[in-house]
């Protein structure tokens, strides 16, 4: 069963961690999925969304982050089980109790420097491959919150995870980053690359004509690769990023239309995953799915409206 998804856009600030958070809590609360969230960002954003800051600081102080696991396995060559680093009982949603977390740490950047300095890239990739091979059997879904840009660890996720999901704001820079990602996917294609699940348009302002223009352009040029459901810019999603020490229901955290949007998005994701299990894409096919004509994009976004949208 292919069930590991790296959530990635080469540009930061596109709602990546929020997408991981909301998908994990929606899939756990409404589909009874056992979810493993992996925080692969030095900022530990998703970790702070899923647990209190005091708890987060305690675990980090005990050297129980996913980074510490990688340090032991890759740099020290010490036998270590990733299961001992898993934190259970995270999330402040009381009906989403099946989410586990491998939390992040600020020393991730230092770890990656040591990997590059010591020529441990192959060992890191083998460690990620072995880890995913075991974790796939323990969870229904694995969601990896990858850092923006292309670090050595992010590349491992892109090449070893089964799928890649890309959130994108309806703006020029976020769209341009999709092209950067597909160009990277074409490099060293024989090394493998995760299969694209598509683009989730996020943080869209319902009252912005420019956002609507980019939305229409993306849907026209990326065809079926865009999810039908768009994630709006909503106050409920902004406040959801702050962990509440008092647990609440899914609908209390994501009220009204926000919760309905997230449920529809989760259904779309599960449908795409089910369809993807029946075929296997080649690295070349994967890399060309997100091709973006930058000249056409520039012309479209400077025009008063998008033709053919």
Protein backbone atom coordinates (compact mmCIF):
# COMPACT_ATOMS: atom_id res chain seq x y z
CA UNK A 1 0.00 0.00 0.00
CA UNK A 2 1.46 3.33 -1.06
CA UNK A 3 0.45 5.78 1.64
CA UNK A 4 3.30 8.25 2.30
CA UNK A 5 2.79 11.84 1.12
CA UNK A 6 5.32 14.64 1.24
CA UNK A 7 3.60 18.04 1.27
CA UNK A 8 5.93 20.32 -0.62
CA UNK A 9 6.22 23.61 -2.45
CA UNK A 10 9.60 25.18 -3.20
CA UNK A 11 8.20 28.47 -1.87
CA UNK A 12 7.41 29.05 1.79
CA UNK A 13 4.31 30.73 3.19
CA UNK A 14 1.82 28.83 1.04
CA UNK A 15 -0.09 27.15 3.88
CA UNK A 16 1.87 23.90 3.81
CA UNK A 17 1.85 23.17 7.54
CA UNK A 18 -1.79 24.23 7.85
CA UNK A 19 -2.69 21.82 5.05
CA UNK A 20 -0.93 18.96 6.87
CA UNK A 21 -2.68 19.87 10.13
CA UNK A 22 -6.17 20.10 8.68
CA UNK A 23 -5.84 16.95 6.57
CA UNK A 24 -4.54 14.94 9.52
CA UNK A 25 -7.32 16.09 11.84
CA UNK A 26 -10.05 15.70 9.23
CA UNK A 27 -8.94 12.21 8.18
CA UNK A 28 -8.65 11.12 11.80
CA UNK A 29 -11.95 12.62 12.96
CA UNK A 30 -14.16 11.73 10.00
CA UNK A 31 -12.49 8.71 8.38
CA UNK A 32 -10.96 6.94 11.39
CA UNK A 33 -7.53 6.96 9.77
CA UNK A 34 -4.41 6.31 11.78
CA UNK A 35 -2.09 9.15 10.78
CA UNK A 36 1.62 9.70 11.26
CA UNK A 37 2.70 13.34 10.86
CA UNK A 38 6.41 13.93 10.30
CA UNK A 39 7.78 17.40 11.01
CA UNK A 40 10.67 17.83 8.58
CA UNK A 41 11.06 21.57 8.98
CA UNK A 42 13.61 23.22 11.29
CA UNK A 43 10.93 25.71 12.37
CA UNK A 44 8.86 22.83 13.82
CA UNK A 45 5.67 24.58 12.72
CA UNK A 46 3.44 21.52 12.53
CA UNK A 47 4.78 20.29 15.89
CA UNK A 48 3.71 23.54 17.58
CA UNK A 49 0.28 23.20 15.96
CA UNK A 50 -0.25 19.69 17.29
CA UNK A 51 1.05 20.04 20.85
CA UNK A 52 1.56 22.63 23.54
CA UNK A 53 4.77 24.65 23.50
CA UNK A 54 5.72 23.35 26.96
CA UNK A 55 5.28 19.76 25.87
CA UNK A 56 7.19 20.46 22.65
CA UNK A 57 10.10 22.03 24.55
CA UNK A 58 10.22 19.08 26.96
CA UNK A 59 10.39 16.48 24.18
CA UNK A 60 13.01 18.48 22.31
CA UNK A 61 15.03 18.79 25.53
CA UNK A 62 14.92 15.00 25.90
CA UNK A 63 16.40 14.59 22.40
CA UNK A 64 13.33 12.69 21.17
CA UNK A 65 12.78 14.50 17.88
CA UNK A 66 12.90 12.90 14.44
CA UNK A 67 16.15 14.76 13.90
CA UNK A 68 17.65 12.98 16.90
CA UNK A 69 16.58 9.66 15.39
CA UNK A 70 18.32 10.54 12.11
CA UNK A 71 21.45 11.69 13.97
CA UNK A 72 21.66 8.34 15.73
CA UNK A 73 21.09 6.26 12.60
CA UNK A 74 22.90 8.28 9.94
CA UNK A 75 25.73 10.10 11.70
CA UNK A 76 26.43 7.73 14.59
CA UNK A 77 25.50 4.44 12.94
CA UNK A 78 23.75 3.42 16.14
CA UNK A 79 20.85 0.93 16.06
CA UNK A 80 17.69 2.84 16.92
CA UNK A 81 13.96 2.34 16.49
CA UNK A 82 11.94 5.24 15.11
CA UNK A 83 8.97 4.01 17.14
CA UNK A 84 10.62 5.19 20.37
CA UNK A 85 10.58 8.75 18.99
CA UNK A 86 6.87 8.77 18.13
CA UNK A 87 4.66 11.07 20.24
CA UNK A 88 1.05 9.93 20.59
CA UNK A 89 -1.99 11.80 21.84
CA UNK A 90 -1.26 14.98 19.89
CA UNK A 91 -3.90 17.38 18.43
CA UNK A 92 -6.39 19.45 20.39
CA UNK A 93 -9.35 17.91 18.51
CA UNK A 94 -11.02 15.45 20.87
CA UNK A 95 -12.43 13.31 18.05
CA UNK A 96 -9.05 13.05 16.27
CA UNK A 97 -7.20 10.80 18.69
CA UNK A 98 -5.43 8.65 16.08
CA UNK A 99 -2.67 11.11 15.12
CA UNK A 100 0.96 10.40 16.00
CA UNK A 101 3.84 12.82 15.53
CA UNK A 102 7.55 12.66 14.83
CA UNK A 103 8.37 16.19 15.84
CA UNK A 104 10.95 18.58 14.45
CA UNK A 105 13.81 20.51 15.93
CA UNK A 106 15.92 23.54 15.19
CA UNK A 107 19.05 21.39 14.90
CA UNK A 108 17.77 19.94 11.64
CA UNK A 109 19.79 22.48 9.66
CA UNK A 110 22.97 21.56 11.55
CA UNK A 111 22.26 17.88 10.94
CA UNK A 112 21.91 18.46 7.20
CA UNK A 113 25.19 20.37 7.16
CA UNK A 114 26.93 17.43 8.80
CA UNK A 115 25.35 15.07 6.29
CA UNK A 116 26.68 17.12 3.38
CA UNK A 117 30.05 17.74 5.01
CA UNK A 118 30.61 14.06 5.72
CA UNK A 119 29.21 12.73 2.45
CA UNK A 120 26.37 10.87 4.20
CA UNK A 121 23.68 11.60 1.59
CA UNK A 122 23.37 7.95 0.54
CA UNK A 123 23.14 6.81 4.15
CA UNK A 124 20.42 9.37 4.82
CA UNK A 125 18.37 8.24 1.85
CA UNK A 126 18.71 4.58 2.83
CA UNK A 127 17.61 5.46 6.37
CA UNK A 128 14.53 7.28 5.05
CA UNK A 129 13.73 4.37 2.73
CA UNK A 130 14.00 1.83 5.56
CA UNK A 131 11.94 4.03 7.89
CA UNK A 132 9.11 4.45 5.36
CA UNK A 133 9.11 0.73 4.58
CA UNK A 134 8.25 0.03 8.21
CA UNK A 135 5.98 3.00 8.85
CA UNK A 136 3.74 2.20 5.86
CA UNK A 137 2.59 -0.94 7.65
CA UNK A 138 1.87 0.85 10.92
CA UNK A 139 -0.28 3.73 9.62
CA UNK A 140 -3.08 4.35 7.16
CA UNK A 141 -1.43 7.58 6.00
CA UNK A 142 1.94 9.26 6.51
CA UNK A 143 1.97 13.05 6.02
CA UNK A 144 5.39 14.71 5.77
CA UNK A 145 5.60 18.45 6.33
CA UNK A 146 8.68 19.18 4.20
CA UNK A 147 10.63 22.40 4.44
CA UNK A 148 10.50 24.79 1.46
CA UNK A 149 13.52 24.78 -0.82
CA UNK A 150 15.56 21.70 -1.62
CA UNK A 151 17.68 20.51 1.28
CA UNK A 152 19.23 17.05 1.42
CA UNK A 153 16.39 15.75 3.62
CA UNK A 154 13.66 17.31 1.49
CA UNK A 155 15.16 15.63 -1.57
CA UNK A 156 15.05 12.29 0.25
CA UNK A 157 11.33 12.72 0.91
CA UNK A 158 10.69 13.73 -2.70
CA UNK A 159 12.48 10.65 -3.97
CA UNK A 160 11.40 8.09 -1.35
CA UNK A 161 7.82 9.07 -0.44
CA UNK A 162 5.09 7.54 -2.56
CA UNK A 163 3.36 10.82 -3.39
CA UNK A 164 3.84 14.56 -3.44
CA UNK A 165 1.05 17.04 -2.69
CA UNK A 166 1.67 20.71 -3.47
CA UNK A 167 -0.24 23.59 -1.87
CA UNK A 168 -0.06 26.82 -3.85
CA UNK A 169 -1.31 30.30 -3.14
CA UNK A 170 -2.99 31.96 -6.11
CA UNK A 171 -0.03 34.22 -6.87
CA UNK A 172 2.89 34.38 -9.29
CA UNK A 173 5.73 33.27 -6.99
CA UNK A 174 3.86 30.27 -5.62
CA UNK A 175 2.96 29.17 -9.14
CA UNK A 176 6.53 29.68 -10.35
CA UNK A 177 7.72 27.38 -7.53
CA UNK A 178 5.63 24.56 -9.02
CA UNK A 179 7.70 24.77 -12.19
CA UNK A 180 10.89 24.65 -10.13
CA UNK A 181 9.64 21.47 -8.47
CA UNK A 182 8.82 19.73 -11.74
CA UNK A 183 12.20 20.75 -13.21
CA UNK A 184 13.89 19.15 -10.23
CA UNK A 185 11.81 16.02 -10.77
CA UNK A 186 13.21 15.64 -14.28
CA UNK A 187 16.80 15.72 -13.01
CA UNK A 188 18.34 12.31 -12.40
CA UNK A 189 15.02 10.67 -13.20
CA UNK A 190 16.58 7.24 -12.75
CA UNK A 191 16.83 8.00 -9.02
CA UNK A 192 13.06 7.98 -8.72
CA UNK A 193 10.58 10.67 -7.73
CA UNK A 194 7.32 10.72 -5.82
CA UNK A 195 4.10 10.63 -7.81
CA UNK A 196 2.17 13.86 -8.01
CA UNK A 197 -1.25 13.87 -6.37
CA UNK A 198 -1.90 17.40 -7.60
CA UNK A 199 -2.09 21.00 -6.45
CA UNK A 200 -4.27 22.33 -3.66
CA UNK A 201 -4.99 26.03 -4.14
CA UNK A 202 -4.85 27.55 -0.67
CA UNK A 203 -5.29 30.85 1.14
CA UNK A 204 -7.61 32.17 -1.56
CA UNK A 205 -9.39 35.43 -0.78
CA UNK A 206 -12.98 35.09 -1.91
CA UNK A 207 -13.17 38.85 -2.57
CA UNK A 208 -9.92 39.21 -4.52
CA UNK A 209 -10.20 39.50 -8.29
CA UNK A 210 -6.48 38.74 -8.61
CA UNK A 211 -6.80 35.54 -6.59
CA UNK A 212 -9.71 34.47 -8.77
CA UNK A 213 -7.65 35.19 -11.87
CA UNK A 214 -4.77 33.00 -10.71
CA UNK A 215 -7.21 30.28 -9.63
CA UNK A 216 -8.77 30.17 -13.10
CA UNK A 217 -5.38 30.23 -14.78
CA UNK A 218 -4.09 27.31 -12.71
CA UNK A 219 -7.19 25.23 -13.31
CA UNK A 220 -7.06 25.88 -17.04
CA UNK A 221 -3.36 25.06 -17.48
CA UNK A 222 -2.94 22.29 -14.91
CA UNK A 223 -6.21 20.62 -15.92
CA UNK A 224 -7.23 17.83 -13.52
CA UNK A 225 -4.09 18.24 -11.39
CA UNK A 226 -5.78 20.94 -9.32
CA UNK A 227 -8.07 19.73 -6.56
CA UNK A 228 -11.64 20.87 -7.06
CA UNK A 229 -11.81 22.10 -3.49
CA UNK A 230 -9.97 25.33 -2.75
CA UNK A 231 -8.86 26.23 0.77
CA UNK A 232 -10.11 29.76 1.50
CA UNK A 233 -8.41 32.41 3.54
CA UNK A 234 -10.45 32.11 6.73
CA UNK A 235 -10.09 33.27 10.32
CA UNK A 236 -10.85 29.75 11.56
CA UNK A 237 -7.84 28.37 9.70
CA UNK A 238 -5.57 31.10 11.01
CA UNK A 239 -6.56 30.43 14.63
CA UNK A 240 -6.36 26.65 14.08
CA UNK A 241 -2.58 27.02 13.91
CA UNK A 242 -2.54 27.86 17.63
CA UNK A 243 -2.73 24.78 19.85
CA UNK A 244 -5.47 24.92 22.47
CA UNK A 245 -4.77 23.33 25.85
CA UNK A 246 -8.50 22.66 26.11
CA UNK A 247 -9.60 20.04 23.64
CA UNK A 248 -12.49 20.79 21.36
CA UNK A 249 -14.57 19.03 18.74
CA UNK A 250 -13.70 19.12 15.06
CA UNK A 251 -16.66 21.40 14.34
CA UNK A 252 -15.71 23.76 17.16
CA UNK A 253 -12.24 24.14 15.67
CA UNK A 254 -13.41 24.24 12.05
CA UNK A 255 -16.94 25.66 12.15
CA UNK A 256 -19.45 25.93 9.34
CA UNK A 257 -18.16 26.25 5.80
CA UNK A 258 -14.53 25.79 6.87
CA UNK A 259 -15.23 22.30 8.19
CA UNK A 260 -17.26 21.39 5.11
CA UNK A 261 -14.43 22.52 2.84
CA UNK A 262 -11.93 20.38 4.74
CA UNK A 263 -14.17 17.32 4.63
CA UNK A 264 -14.56 17.66 0.88
CA UNK A 265 -10.82 18.10 0.43
CA UNK A 266 -10.12 14.97 2.48
CA UNK A 267 -12.56 12.98 0.33
CA UNK A 268 -10.83 14.20 -2.82
CA UNK A 269 -7.47 13.16 -1.39
CA UNK A 270 -8.69 9.68 -0.51
CA UNK A 271 -10.21 9.27 -3.98
CA UNK A 272 -6.95 10.27 -5.65
CA UNK A 273 -5.00 7.90 -3.45
CA UNK A 274 -7.37 5.05 -4.29
CA UNK A 275 -7.05 5.75 -8.00
CA UNK A 276 -3.25 5.98 -7.75
CA UNK A 277 -3.00 2.50 -6.22
CA UNK A 278 -4.08 1.00 -9.54
CA UNK A 279 -1.24 2.42 -11.64
CA UNK A 280 2.38 3.44 -11.39
CA UNK A 281 3.73 6.54 -13.10
CA UNK A 282 7.23 6.81 -14.50
CA UNK A 283 9.48 9.63 -13.25
CA UNK A 284 9.19 11.35 -16.64
CA UNK A 285 5.39 11.28 -16.54
CA UNK A 286 5.39 12.65 -13.02
CA UNK A 287 7.75 15.49 -13.80
CA UNK A 288 5.75 16.81 -16.74
CA UNK A 289 2.40 16.99 -14.97
CA UNK A 290 3.11 20.38 -13.39
CA UNK A 291 4.74 22.04 -16.40
CA UNK A 292 3.98 25.74 -16.27
CA UNK A 293 4.59 28.06 -19.20
CA UNK A 294 6.03 31.10 -17.43
CA UNK A 295 5.58 33.40 -20.43
CA UNK A 296 1.93 32.45 -20.68
CA UNK A 297 1.56 32.90 -16.93
CA UNK A 298 3.06 36.38 -17.04
CA UNK A 299 0.79 37.36 -19.93
CA UNK A 300 -2.28 35.91 -18.23
CA UNK A 301 -1.69 37.63 -14.92
CA UNK A 302 -1.07 41.01 -16.50
CA UNK A 303 -4.23 40.82 -18.62
CA UNK A 304 -7.59 41.97 -17.29
CA UNK A 305 -8.94 38.41 -17.44
CA UNK A 306 -7.84 34.87 -18.20
CA UNK A 307 -8.80 33.56 -21.61
CA UNK A 308 -10.13 30.04 -21.75
CA UNK A 309 -10.45 29.76 -17.99
